[in-house]
Each structure stands twice: as C-alpha cells, then as structure tokens.
Amino acid sequence: MPKITTADFKNGMNILMNNEIYTIIEFLHVKPGKGGAFVRSKLRGVTNGKVLDKTFRAGESMESVRVERHPYQYLYHDGEVYHFMHEQTYDQVGLNAAQVDKPEFMKESEVVTFVINADTEKVLFTELPDHVVLEVVETEPGMKGDTATGATKPAKLESGVSLQVPLFINQGDKLRVDTRTSSYIERVKS
C-alpha cells in the first residue's frame, strides 16, 4: 500500500488507521500563530460507518487504501451464505450474512454494489440501492378513500420483510421502499 502524508489528503480518499479503513469526508489544514501546523479531519469508517474527528500533525504519514465498487447480481441464499454473480465476468461469489447489508430487502436478480479492497481483493461489504421496488404479498384489504388519516397497517413484502404501510395498500401492489430507513415511500404504478 502506498504511503501518503497529510499534504496528499483529498475528500473521498481512503486511509488505513488502526487496522481499519476510513474515508476522508472533509479536512482542513490549520497553521496557528504558535506551534506546528496540523490537519483537522472528519473520517468515516468504511466497514462500520462510524464518523470520527481526528487531528493529524502536518506531514504525518499513513497508508492509502484503494477501494473499488463493482455491481453484482443477487442469485440466492442457502442458510448463512448469500450467492452473487459479477455482471460482466459472470464469476460467482458467496458471502456470509455479516458482509451483506440489509439482506431482508434483497430479492433474486437485484443488483447490489460490492465494496472491495483493491489491494487484497477482499470484499468489505455490500451496499443496496437507496430505494427498491417490492411487491406486497400479504396485508389486510385496503380501504378506499382512507388516505388522509395517516394510519398504517403491517404488510409483508416479497423479500420477506414486514413494514408499516398506509391503509389503502392492497396485496399485489408494488411499493418503493427506502432501504436506509426501512420505510414505505410510495406505491409504484405498474
């Protein structure tokens, strides 16, 4: 892995610190009137998503890490292993449940993004799209005209996840769901 210094910092760059990979969200070079210069930065953990503030001495060196993103198609899952296929090379990969982000929203043939450490070619984790379209497979019958109350009811979707939806949603409706908040967005017209 190439060595870099704080002078090489760029937003979006990945660095290795305490055996964890962090992405630089923002940074600021500070030259106080007294004392040495330093770099104040905000970092996000690539695998855990934690954001932390870190101050580096000017010129401090660390290792740069190259992270790549590749599209993979979800095939199926058996027990604890999820199977995916690379969209261009057709190579198949099996990942354990800990490496898969929100598997409850994945349906067969869904395209997810693999985040890979380019130096070791190790899959760090997967990312789902922010919004997915899923069909309602089980819910109570909808009530016509009941759109203004804001009341909700439970609905089971084709991927197996259950969430709260408005009363007018029926079995067979396709819904756009936000995977980040696990919430209903809208009904999709077919």
N, C-alpha and C. Protein backbone atom coordinates (compact mmCIF):
# COMPACT_ATOMS: atom_id res chain seq x y z
N MET A 1 0.84 -1.18 0.00
CA MET A 1 0.00 0.00 0.00
C MET A 1 0.89 1.25 0.00
N PRO A 2 0.53 2.22 -0.81
CA PRO A 2 1.36 3.42 -0.91
C PRO A 2 1.25 4.29 0.34
N LYS A 3 2.38 4.90 0.71
CA LYS A 3 2.40 5.83 1.83
C LYS A 3 2.02 7.22 1.33
N ILE A 4 1.25 7.93 2.12
CA ILE A 4 0.89 9.31 1.81
C ILE A 4 1.11 10.15 3.05
N THR A 5 1.12 11.46 2.88
CA THR A 5 1.19 12.37 4.03
C THR A 5 -0.07 13.21 4.04
N THR A 6 -0.22 14.03 5.07
CA THR A 6 -1.41 14.88 5.18
C THR A 6 -1.48 15.89 4.03
N ALA A 7 -0.36 16.18 3.38
CA ALA A 7 -0.37 17.10 2.23
C ALA A 7 -1.08 16.47 1.03
N ASP A 8 -1.22 15.14 1.01
CA ASP A 8 -1.86 14.44 -0.10
C ASP A 8 -3.36 14.24 0.11
N PHE A 9 -3.89 14.67 1.26
CA PHE A 9 -5.30 14.43 1.56
C PHE A 9 -6.22 15.01 0.49
N LYS A 10 -7.26 14.24 0.15
CA LYS A 10 -8.33 14.68 -0.75
C LYS A 10 -9.64 14.10 -0.20
N ASN A 11 -10.72 14.83 -0.38
CA ASN A 11 -12.02 14.29 0.03
C ASN A 11 -12.30 13.02 -0.76
N GLY A 12 -12.78 11.98 -0.07
CA GLY A 12 -13.08 10.71 -0.71
C GLY A 12 -11.94 9.72 -0.70
N MET A 13 -10.73 10.15 -0.29
CA MET A 13 -9.58 9.26 -0.22
C MET A 13 -9.76 8.30 0.95
N ASN A 14 -9.23 7.08 0.80
CA ASN A 14 -9.31 6.08 1.86
C ASN A 14 -7.93 5.87 2.47
N ILE A 15 -7.89 5.81 3.82
CA ILE A 15 -6.63 5.59 4.52
C ILE A 15 -6.79 4.44 5.51
N LEU A 16 -5.67 3.82 5.87
CA LEU A 16 -5.65 2.75 6.86
C LEU A 16 -5.18 3.33 8.18
N MET A 17 -6.00 3.16 9.22
CA MET A 17 -5.67 3.68 10.54
C MET A 17 -6.18 2.69 11.57
N ASN A 18 -5.31 2.21 12.46
CA ASN A 18 -5.66 1.22 13.48
C ASN A 18 -6.28 -0.02 12.86
N ASN A 19 -5.72 -0.48 11.74
CA ASN A 19 -6.19 -1.67 11.02
C ASN A 19 -7.63 -1.56 10.52
N GLU A 20 -8.15 -0.35 10.38
CA GLU A 20 -9.47 -0.09 9.84
C GLU A 20 -9.32 0.86 8.65
N ILE A 21 -10.21 0.74 7.68
CA ILE A 21 -10.18 1.63 6.53
C ILE A 21 -11.16 2.77 6.77
N TYR A 22 -10.69 4.00 6.58
CA TYR A 22 -11.52 5.20 6.77
C TYR A 22 -11.51 6.03 5.50
N THR A 23 -12.64 6.66 5.20
CA THR A 23 -12.76 7.58 4.08
C THR A 23 -12.71 9.01 4.61
N ILE A 24 -11.93 9.87 3.97
CA ILE A 24 -11.83 11.27 4.38
C ILE A 24 -13.08 12.00 3.87
N ILE A 25 -13.89 12.50 4.78
CA ILE A 25 -15.09 13.25 4.41
C ILE A 25 -14.72 14.70 4.18
N GLU A 26 -13.98 15.28 5.11
CA GLU A 26 -13.50 16.65 4.95
C GLU A 26 -12.23 16.83 5.78
N PHE A 27 -11.44 17.83 5.41
CA PHE A 27 -10.21 18.11 6.14
C PHE A 27 -9.89 19.59 6.02
N LEU A 28 -9.07 20.07 6.95
CA LEU A 28 -8.69 21.47 6.96
C LEU A 28 -7.27 21.59 7.49
N HIS A 29 -6.37 22.22 6.69
CA HIS A 29 -5.01 22.50 7.15
C HIS A 29 -5.06 23.74 8.03
N VAL A 30 -4.48 23.66 9.23
CA VAL A 30 -4.51 24.78 10.18
C VAL A 30 -3.07 25.15 10.53
N LYS A 31 -2.75 26.46 10.37
CA LYS A 31 -1.43 26.97 10.76
C LYS A 31 -1.64 27.99 11.87
N PRO A 32 -1.55 27.57 13.11
CA PRO A 32 -1.73 28.55 14.19
C PRO A 32 -0.52 29.48 14.28
N GLY A 33 -0.70 30.61 14.94
CA GLY A 33 0.39 31.57 15.10
C GLY A 33 1.54 30.98 15.90
N LYS A 34 1.21 30.16 16.88
CA LYS A 34 2.22 29.50 17.71
C LYS A 34 2.13 28.00 17.50
N GLY A 35 3.24 27.33 17.54
CA GLY A 35 3.23 25.87 17.42
C GLY A 35 3.23 25.40 15.98
N GLY A 36 3.20 24.08 15.83
CA GLY A 36 3.26 23.48 14.50
C GLY A 36 1.91 23.40 13.81
N ALA A 37 1.93 23.30 12.51
CA ALA A 37 0.71 23.17 11.73
C ALA A 37 0.11 21.79 11.95
N PHE A 38 -1.19 21.68 11.75
CA PHE A 38 -1.87 20.40 11.88
C PHE A 38 -3.04 20.33 10.90
N VAL A 39 -3.59 19.13 10.75
CA VAL A 39 -4.71 18.90 9.84
C VAL A 39 -5.87 18.35 10.65
N ARG A 40 -6.96 19.07 10.65
CA ARG A 40 -8.18 18.64 11.34
C ARG A 40 -9.03 17.93 10.28
N SER A 41 -9.48 16.69 10.58
CA SER A 41 -10.21 15.93 9.57
C SER A 41 -11.43 15.23 10.17
N LYS A 42 -12.36 14.91 9.29
CA LYS A 42 -13.54 14.11 9.65
C LYS A 42 -13.47 12.85 8.79
N LEU A 43 -13.51 11.68 9.43
CA LEU A 43 -13.34 10.40 8.76
C LEU A 43 -14.56 9.51 8.99
N ARG A 44 -14.90 8.69 7.98
CA ARG A 44 -15.99 7.72 8.13
C ARG A 44 -15.42 6.33 7.94
N GLY A 45 -15.70 5.42 8.87
CA GLY A 45 -15.25 4.04 8.76
C GLY A 45 -15.95 3.35 7.59
N VAL A 46 -15.18 2.71 6.72
CA VAL A 46 -15.75 2.07 5.54
C VAL A 46 -16.61 0.87 5.93
N THR A 47 -16.16 0.05 6.87
CA THR A 47 -16.92 -1.14 7.22
C THR A 47 -17.97 -0.90 8.29
N ASN A 48 -17.71 0.03 9.22
CA ASN A 48 -18.67 0.22 10.31
C ASN A 48 -19.50 1.50 10.18
N GLY A 49 -19.12 2.42 9.30
CA GLY A 49 -19.91 3.63 9.07
C GLY A 49 -19.79 4.70 10.15
N LYS A 50 -18.97 4.46 11.18
CA LYS A 50 -18.81 5.44 12.26
C LYS A 50 -18.04 6.66 11.76
N VAL A 51 -18.49 7.84 12.18
CA VAL A 51 -17.81 9.09 11.82
C VAL A 51 -17.00 9.56 13.02
N LEU A 52 -15.74 9.91 12.78
CA LEU A 52 -14.92 10.41 13.88
C LEU A 52 -14.10 11.61 13.43
N ASP A 53 -13.81 12.47 14.39
CA ASP A 53 -12.94 13.63 14.15
C ASP A 53 -11.53 13.26 14.58
N LYS A 54 -10.56 13.55 13.74
CA LYS A 54 -9.17 13.19 14.03
C LYS A 54 -8.27 14.34 13.63
N THR A 55 -7.31 14.64 14.47
CA THR A 55 -6.32 15.68 14.18
C THR A 55 -4.97 15.02 13.93
N PHE A 56 -4.35 15.35 12.81
CA PHE A 56 -3.03 14.83 12.44
C PHE A 56 -2.02 15.97 12.46
N ARG A 57 -0.76 15.66 12.81
CA ARG A 57 0.31 16.63 12.67
C ARG A 57 0.58 16.84 11.19
N ALA A 58 0.93 18.04 10.78
CA ALA A 58 1.25 18.31 9.38
C ALA A 58 2.42 17.44 8.96
N GLY A 59 2.28 16.78 7.82
CA GLY A 59 3.36 15.93 7.31
C GLY A 59 3.33 14.51 7.84
N GLU A 60 2.40 14.19 8.74
CA GLU A 60 2.30 12.82 9.27
C GLU A 60 1.98 11.86 8.13
N SER A 61 2.60 10.67 8.16
CA SER A 61 2.38 9.73 7.07
C SER A 61 1.49 8.56 7.51
N MET A 62 0.79 8.01 6.52
CA MET A 62 -0.09 6.85 6.74
C MET A 62 -0.21 6.11 5.42
N GLU A 63 -0.91 4.98 5.44
CA GLU A 63 -1.07 4.18 4.23
C GLU A 63 -2.39 4.51 3.54
N SER A 64 -2.32 4.64 2.22
CA SER A 64 -3.51 4.87 1.40
C SER A 64 -4.07 3.51 0.97
N VAL A 65 -5.37 3.41 0.92
CA VAL A 65 -6.03 2.16 0.51
C VAL A 65 -6.94 2.47 -0.66
N ARG A 66 -6.86 1.63 -1.68
CA ARG A 66 -7.72 1.80 -2.85
C ARG A 66 -8.95 0.91 -2.68
N VAL A 67 -10.13 1.52 -2.72
CA VAL A 67 -11.39 0.81 -2.58
C VAL A 67 -12.14 0.93 -3.90
N GLU A 68 -12.62 -0.21 -4.40
CA GLU A 68 -13.38 -0.22 -5.65
C GLU A 68 -14.80 -0.69 -5.40
N ARG A 69 -15.72 -0.26 -6.28
CA ARG A 69 -17.12 -0.67 -6.21
C ARG A 69 -17.48 -1.38 -7.51
N HIS A 70 -18.09 -2.57 -7.38
CA HIS A 70 -18.47 -3.36 -8.55
C HIS A 70 -19.91 -3.83 -8.40
N PRO A 71 -20.68 -3.82 -9.52
CA PRO A 71 -22.06 -4.31 -9.45
C PRO A 71 -22.10 -5.85 -9.50
N TYR A 72 -22.88 -6.44 -8.62
CA TYR A 72 -23.09 -7.88 -8.59
C TYR A 72 -24.59 -8.14 -8.51
N GLN A 73 -25.03 -9.22 -9.14
CA GLN A 73 -26.44 -9.59 -9.12
C GLN A 73 -26.66 -10.65 -8.06
N TYR A 74 -27.68 -10.44 -7.22
CA TYR A 74 -28.02 -11.41 -6.17
C TYR A 74 -28.72 -12.60 -6.81
N LEU A 75 -28.22 -13.81 -6.52
CA LEU A 75 -28.80 -15.02 -7.09
C LEU A 75 -29.74 -15.73 -6.11
N TYR A 76 -29.19 -16.18 -4.97
CA TYR A 76 -29.99 -16.90 -3.98
C TYR A 76 -29.22 -16.97 -2.68
N HIS A 77 -29.87 -17.53 -1.67
CA HIS A 77 -29.19 -17.69 -0.38
C HIS A 77 -29.56 -19.05 0.20
N ASP A 78 -28.54 -19.72 0.74
CA ASP A 78 -28.77 -21.03 1.37
C ASP A 78 -28.16 -21.01 2.77
N GLY A 79 -29.00 -20.96 3.76
CA GLY A 79 -28.52 -20.89 5.14
C GLY A 79 -27.89 -19.56 5.44
N GLU A 80 -26.59 -19.54 5.70
CA GLU A 80 -25.89 -18.31 6.05
C GLU A 80 -25.11 -17.71 4.88
N VAL A 81 -25.12 -18.34 3.72
CA VAL A 81 -24.32 -17.87 2.58
C VAL A 81 -25.23 -17.27 1.51
N TYR A 82 -24.88 -16.05 1.07
CA TYR A 82 -25.60 -15.35 0.00
C TYR A 82 -24.74 -15.44 -1.26
N HIS A 83 -25.36 -15.83 -2.37
CA HIS A 83 -24.62 -16.04 -3.62
C HIS A 83 -24.91 -14.91 -4.60
N PHE A 84 -23.82 -14.37 -5.19
CA PHE A 84 -23.90 -13.26 -6.13
C PHE A 84 -23.12 -13.59 -7.39
N MET A 85 -23.43 -12.87 -8.49
CA MET A 85 -22.71 -13.05 -9.74
C MET A 85 -22.28 -11.69 -10.28
N HIS A 86 -21.00 -11.59 -10.67
CA HIS A 86 -20.48 -10.36 -11.27
C HIS A 86 -21.18 -10.14 -12.60
N GLU A 87 -21.60 -8.91 -12.88
CA GLU A 87 -22.41 -8.64 -14.06
C GLU A 87 -21.64 -8.73 -15.38
N GLN A 88 -20.33 -8.51 -15.38
CA GLN A 88 -19.58 -8.58 -16.64
C GLN A 88 -18.85 -9.92 -16.81
N THR A 89 -18.25 -10.43 -15.74
CA THR A 89 -17.43 -11.64 -15.86
C THR A 89 -18.20 -12.92 -15.55
N TYR A 90 -19.38 -12.81 -14.96
CA TYR A 90 -20.22 -13.94 -14.57
C TYR A 90 -19.59 -14.82 -13.49
N ASP A 91 -18.56 -14.31 -12.81
CA ASP A 91 -17.97 -15.04 -11.69
C ASP A 91 -18.96 -15.05 -10.54
N GLN A 92 -19.07 -16.18 -9.84
CA GLN A 92 -19.98 -16.27 -8.71
C GLN A 92 -19.21 -16.21 -7.40
N VAL A 93 -19.79 -15.48 -6.42
CA VAL A 93 -19.16 -15.27 -5.12
C VAL A 93 -20.18 -15.56 -4.03
N GLY A 94 -19.73 -16.22 -2.98
CA GLY A 94 -20.58 -16.46 -1.82
C GLY A 94 -20.10 -15.62 -0.64
N LEU A 95 -21.03 -14.89 0.01
CA LEU A 95 -20.69 -14.07 1.17
C LEU A 95 -21.49 -14.51 2.37
N ASN A 96 -20.89 -14.36 3.57
CA ASN A 96 -21.65 -14.67 4.78
C ASN A 96 -22.57 -13.50 5.13
N ALA A 97 -23.52 -13.74 6.01
CA ALA A 97 -24.55 -12.75 6.33
C ALA A 97 -23.98 -11.45 6.89
N ALA A 98 -22.85 -11.50 7.59
CA ALA A 98 -22.26 -10.30 8.19
C ALA A 98 -21.77 -9.31 7.13
N GLN A 99 -21.43 -9.79 5.94
CA GLN A 99 -20.91 -8.92 4.89
C GLN A 99 -22.02 -8.33 4.02
N VAL A 100 -23.25 -8.80 4.19
CA VAL A 100 -24.36 -8.36 3.34
C VAL A 100 -25.18 -7.32 4.08
N ASP A 101 -25.33 -6.15 3.46
CA ASP A 101 -26.07 -5.03 4.04
C ASP A 101 -27.57 -5.22 3.79
N LYS A 102 -28.35 -5.30 4.87
CA LYS A 102 -29.81 -5.39 4.82
C LYS A 102 -30.32 -6.46 3.84
N PRO A 103 -30.00 -7.73 4.09
CA PRO A 103 -30.44 -8.78 3.16
C PRO A 103 -31.96 -8.93 3.11
N GLU A 104 -32.67 -8.42 4.11
CA GLU A 104 -34.12 -8.55 4.12
C GLU A 104 -34.80 -7.79 2.98
N PHE A 105 -34.09 -6.87 2.32
CA PHE A 105 -34.65 -6.10 1.21
C PHE A 105 -34.22 -6.64 -0.15
N MET A 106 -33.41 -7.70 -0.17
CA MET A 106 -32.93 -8.23 -1.45
C MET A 106 -33.89 -9.27 -1.99
N LYS A 107 -34.14 -9.19 -3.29
CA LYS A 107 -34.88 -10.23 -3.98
C LYS A 107 -33.99 -10.75 -5.09
N GLU A 108 -34.29 -11.94 -5.60
CA GLU A 108 -33.46 -12.53 -6.64
C GLU A 108 -33.37 -11.60 -7.84
N SER A 109 -32.19 -11.52 -8.42
CA SER A 109 -31.81 -10.70 -9.57
C SER A 109 -31.63 -9.22 -9.23
N GLU A 110 -31.72 -8.85 -7.95
CA GLU A 110 -31.44 -7.48 -7.51
C GLU A 110 -29.95 -7.19 -7.68
N VAL A 111 -29.62 -5.99 -8.17
CA VAL A 111 -28.21 -5.61 -8.35
C VAL A 111 -27.76 -4.85 -7.10
N VAL A 112 -26.67 -5.32 -6.49
CA VAL A 112 -26.08 -4.67 -5.33
C VAL A 112 -24.64 -4.29 -5.67
N THR A 113 -24.08 -3.40 -4.87
CA THR A 113 -22.71 -2.95 -5.09
C THR A 113 -21.78 -3.61 -4.08
N PHE A 114 -20.71 -4.23 -4.57
CA PHE A 114 -19.69 -4.79 -3.70
C PHE A 114 -18.63 -3.72 -3.48
N VAL A 115 -18.25 -3.47 -2.23
CA VAL A 115 -17.15 -2.57 -1.91
C VAL A 115 -15.95 -3.48 -1.61
N ILE A 116 -14.90 -3.34 -2.44
CA ILE A 116 -13.77 -4.27 -2.41
C ILE A 116 -12.48 -3.51 -2.15
N ASN A 117 -11.63 -4.05 -1.25
CA ASN A 117 -10.28 -3.54 -1.06
C ASN A 117 -9.47 -3.97 -2.28
N ALA A 118 -9.08 -3.03 -3.13
CA ALA A 118 -8.43 -3.35 -4.40
C ALA A 118 -7.06 -4.00 -4.20
N ASP A 119 -6.39 -3.73 -3.09
CA ASP A 119 -5.06 -4.30 -2.86
C ASP A 119 -5.13 -5.78 -2.50
N THR A 120 -6.09 -6.16 -1.65
CA THR A 120 -6.21 -7.55 -1.21
C THR A 120 -7.32 -8.29 -1.94
N GLU A 121 -8.13 -7.57 -2.72
CA GLU A 121 -9.29 -8.10 -3.42
C GLU A 121 -10.29 -8.77 -2.47
N LYS A 122 -10.33 -8.27 -1.24
CA LYS A 122 -11.26 -8.79 -0.23
C LYS A 122 -12.53 -7.94 -0.25
N VAL A 123 -13.69 -8.60 -0.23
CA VAL A 123 -14.96 -7.90 -0.18
C VAL A 123 -15.14 -7.36 1.23
N LEU A 124 -15.31 -6.04 1.37
CA LEU A 124 -15.50 -5.43 2.67
C LEU A 124 -16.96 -5.52 3.11
N PHE A 125 -17.87 -5.15 2.20
CA PHE A 125 -19.31 -5.26 2.46
C PHE A 125 -20.06 -4.98 1.18
N THR A 126 -21.38 -5.12 1.23
CA THR A 126 -22.22 -4.82 0.08
C THR A 126 -23.10 -3.62 0.39
N GLU A 127 -23.53 -2.93 -0.65
CA GLU A 127 -24.44 -1.79 -0.50
C GLU A 127 -25.66 -2.03 -1.37
N LEU A 128 -26.83 -1.89 -0.79
CA LEU A 128 -28.07 -1.95 -1.56
C LEU A 128 -28.36 -0.57 -2.15
N PRO A 129 -29.16 -0.51 -3.22
CA PRO A 129 -29.60 0.81 -3.67
C PRO A 129 -30.42 1.48 -2.56
N ASP A 130 -30.49 2.81 -2.57
CA ASP A 130 -31.25 3.52 -1.54
C ASP A 130 -32.73 3.19 -1.58
N HIS A 131 -33.26 2.94 -2.80
CA HIS A 131 -34.67 2.62 -2.95
C HIS A 131 -34.83 1.34 -3.76
N VAL A 132 -35.71 0.44 -3.31
CA VAL A 132 -36.02 -0.78 -4.06
C VAL A 132 -37.53 -0.87 -4.23
N VAL A 133 -37.95 -1.59 -5.27
CA VAL A 133 -39.38 -1.81 -5.52
C VAL A 133 -39.69 -3.26 -5.17
N LEU A 134 -40.64 -3.44 -4.25
CA LEU A 134 -41.04 -4.77 -3.79
C LEU A 134 -42.55 -4.90 -3.83
N GLU A 135 -43.02 -6.12 -4.08
CA GLU A 135 -44.46 -6.39 -4.16
C GLU A 135 -44.99 -6.82 -2.80
N VAL A 136 -46.22 -6.37 -2.49
CA VAL A 136 -46.89 -6.76 -1.24
C VAL A 136 -47.46 -8.16 -1.44
N VAL A 137 -47.07 -9.11 -0.58
CA VAL A 137 -47.59 -10.48 -0.69
C VAL A 137 -48.66 -10.78 0.35
N GLU A 138 -48.70 -9.98 1.43
CA GLU A 138 -49.68 -10.26 2.48
C GLU A 138 -49.99 -8.98 3.25
N THR A 139 -51.29 -8.62 3.28
CA THR A 139 -51.75 -7.49 4.08
C THR A 139 -53.28 -7.54 4.14
N GLU A 140 -53.85 -6.79 5.05
CA GLU A 140 -55.31 -6.71 5.14
C GLU A 140 -55.81 -5.96 3.91
N PRO A 141 -57.07 -6.20 3.49
CA PRO A 141 -57.60 -5.48 2.32
C PRO A 141 -57.59 -3.97 2.55
N GLY A 142 -57.32 -3.23 1.47
CA GLY A 142 -57.26 -1.78 1.54
C GLY A 142 -58.63 -1.15 1.67
N MET A 143 -58.67 0.07 2.19
CA MET A 143 -59.92 0.80 2.34
C MET A 143 -59.87 1.99 1.40
N LYS A 144 -60.84 2.06 0.51
CA LYS A 144 -60.89 3.14 -0.47
C LYS A 144 -61.13 4.47 0.22
N GLY A 145 -60.41 5.49 -0.21
CA GLY A 145 -60.62 6.84 0.30
C GLY A 145 -59.97 7.11 1.64
N ASP A 146 -59.29 6.14 2.22
CA ASP A 146 -58.69 6.33 3.54
C ASP A 146 -57.23 6.76 3.37
N THR A 147 -57.02 7.97 2.84
CA THR A 147 -55.66 8.43 2.58
C THR A 147 -55.26 9.59 3.47
N ALA A 148 -56.20 10.23 4.13
CA ALA A 148 -55.89 11.45 4.88
C ALA A 148 -55.62 11.22 6.36
N THR A 149 -55.90 10.03 6.88
CA THR A 149 -55.77 9.83 8.32
C THR A 149 -54.33 9.63 8.76
N GLY A 150 -53.48 9.12 7.88
CA GLY A 150 -52.10 8.85 8.27
C GLY A 150 -51.95 7.55 9.02
N ALA A 151 -53.04 6.77 9.13
CA ALA A 151 -52.99 5.48 9.83
C ALA A 151 -52.24 4.47 8.96
N THR A 152 -51.64 3.49 9.61
CA THR A 152 -50.88 2.47 8.89
C THR A 152 -51.30 1.08 9.33
N LYS A 153 -50.87 0.10 8.54
CA LYS A 153 -51.10 -1.31 8.84
C LYS A 153 -49.86 -2.09 8.44
N PRO A 154 -49.66 -3.29 8.99
CA PRO A 154 -48.48 -4.08 8.60
C PRO A 154 -48.69 -4.74 7.24
N ALA A 155 -47.60 -4.86 6.48
CA ALA A 155 -47.62 -5.55 5.18
C ALA A 155 -46.35 -6.36 5.04
N LYS A 156 -46.49 -7.57 4.51
CA LYS A 156 -45.33 -8.43 4.26
C LYS A 156 -44.99 -8.32 2.78
N LEU A 157 -43.70 -8.06 2.48
CA LEU A 157 -43.26 -7.88 1.11
C LEU A 157 -42.60 -9.15 0.56
N GLU A 158 -42.41 -9.20 -0.76
CA GLU A 158 -41.90 -10.41 -1.41
C GLU A 158 -40.53 -10.85 -0.92
N SER A 159 -39.74 -9.94 -0.38
CA SER A 159 -38.41 -10.32 0.11
C SER A 159 -38.48 -10.92 1.52
N GLY A 160 -39.68 -10.85 2.15
CA GLY A 160 -39.86 -11.42 3.48
C GLY A 160 -39.92 -10.39 4.58
N VAL A 161 -39.58 -9.14 4.30
CA VAL A 161 -39.58 -8.08 5.31
C VAL A 161 -41.01 -7.58 5.52
N SER A 162 -41.33 -7.20 6.75
CA SER A 162 -42.62 -6.59 7.07
C SER A 162 -42.39 -5.15 7.47
N LEU A 163 -43.28 -4.26 6.99
CA LEU A 163 -43.20 -2.86 7.40
C LEU A 163 -44.58 -2.23 7.38
N GLN A 164 -44.66 -1.04 7.95
CA GLN A 164 -45.93 -0.33 8.06
C GLN A 164 -46.20 0.44 6.76
N VAL A 165 -47.44 0.29 6.25
CA VAL A 165 -47.85 0.95 5.01
C VAL A 165 -49.19 1.64 5.24
N PRO A 166 -49.56 2.60 4.39
CA PRO A 166 -50.87 3.25 4.52
C PRO A 166 -52.02 2.26 4.33
N LEU A 167 -53.21 2.60 4.82
CA LEU A 167 -54.37 1.71 4.79
C LEU A 167 -54.85 1.38 3.39
N PHE A 168 -54.59 2.22 2.38
CA PHE A 168 -55.10 1.98 1.04
C PHE A 168 -54.28 0.97 0.23
N ILE A 169 -53.17 0.47 0.77
CA ILE A 169 -52.32 -0.50 0.08
C ILE A 169 -52.98 -1.88 0.09
N ASN A 170 -52.95 -2.55 -1.07
CA ASN A 170 -53.55 -3.89 -1.21
C ASN A 170 -52.49 -4.92 -1.54
N GLN A 171 -52.85 -6.19 -1.37
CA GLN A 171 -51.99 -7.29 -1.77
C GLN A 171 -51.78 -7.20 -3.28
N GLY A 172 -50.54 -7.39 -3.74
CA GLY A 172 -50.23 -7.30 -5.16
C GLY A 172 -49.70 -5.94 -5.59
N ASP A 173 -49.86 -4.90 -4.75
CA ASP A 173 -49.32 -3.58 -5.08
C ASP A 173 -47.79 -3.62 -5.03
N LYS A 174 -47.16 -2.82 -5.88
CA LYS A 174 -45.70 -2.68 -5.84
C LYS A 174 -45.38 -1.38 -5.12
N LEU A 175 -44.45 -1.46 -4.17
CA LEU A 175 -44.10 -0.31 -3.34
C LEU A 175 -42.64 0.05 -3.51
N ARG A 176 -42.34 1.35 -3.48
CA ARG A 176 -40.96 1.83 -3.41
C ARG A 176 -40.64 1.97 -1.92
N VAL A 177 -39.54 1.32 -1.50
CA VAL A 177 -39.16 1.28 -0.09
C VAL A 177 -37.77 1.88 0.06
N ASP A 178 -37.58 2.70 1.09
CA ASP A 178 -36.27 3.28 1.41
C ASP A 178 -35.51 2.26 2.26
N THR A 179 -34.40 1.73 1.73
CA THR A 179 -33.64 0.70 2.45
C THR A 179 -32.84 1.28 3.61
N ARG A 180 -32.57 2.60 3.58
CA ARG A 180 -31.79 3.22 4.66
C ARG A 180 -32.61 3.33 5.93
N THR A 181 -33.90 3.66 5.79
CA THR A 181 -34.77 3.87 6.96
C THR A 181 -35.78 2.76 7.14
N SER A 182 -35.80 1.77 6.23
CA SER A 182 -36.76 0.66 6.26
C SER A 182 -38.19 1.18 6.29
N SER A 183 -38.50 2.12 5.40
CA SER A 183 -39.83 2.71 5.41
C SER A 183 -40.44 2.80 4.01
N TYR A 184 -41.76 2.83 3.99
CA TYR A 184 -42.56 2.98 2.77
C TYR A 184 -42.35 4.38 2.20
N ILE A 185 -42.19 4.48 0.87
CA ILE A 185 -42.09 5.79 0.21
C ILE A 185 -43.36 6.08 -0.58
N GLU A 186 -43.67 5.15 -1.54
CA GLU A 186 -44.83 5.38 -2.39
C GLU A 186 -45.25 4.09 -3.07
N ARG A 187 -46.47 4.10 -3.59
CA ARG A 187 -46.95 2.99 -4.40
C ARG A 187 -46.51 3.25 -5.83
N VAL A 188 -46.00 2.21 -6.50
CA VAL A 188 -45.50 2.33 -7.85
C VAL A 188 -46.59 1.92 -8.81
N LYS A 189 -46.86 2.76 -9.80
CA LYS A 189 -47.86 2.44 -10.82
C LYS A 189 -47.26 1.44 -11.78
N SER A 190 -47.99 0.37 -12.06
CA SER A 190 -47.49 -0.68 -12.96
C SER A 190 -47.78 -0.37 -14.40
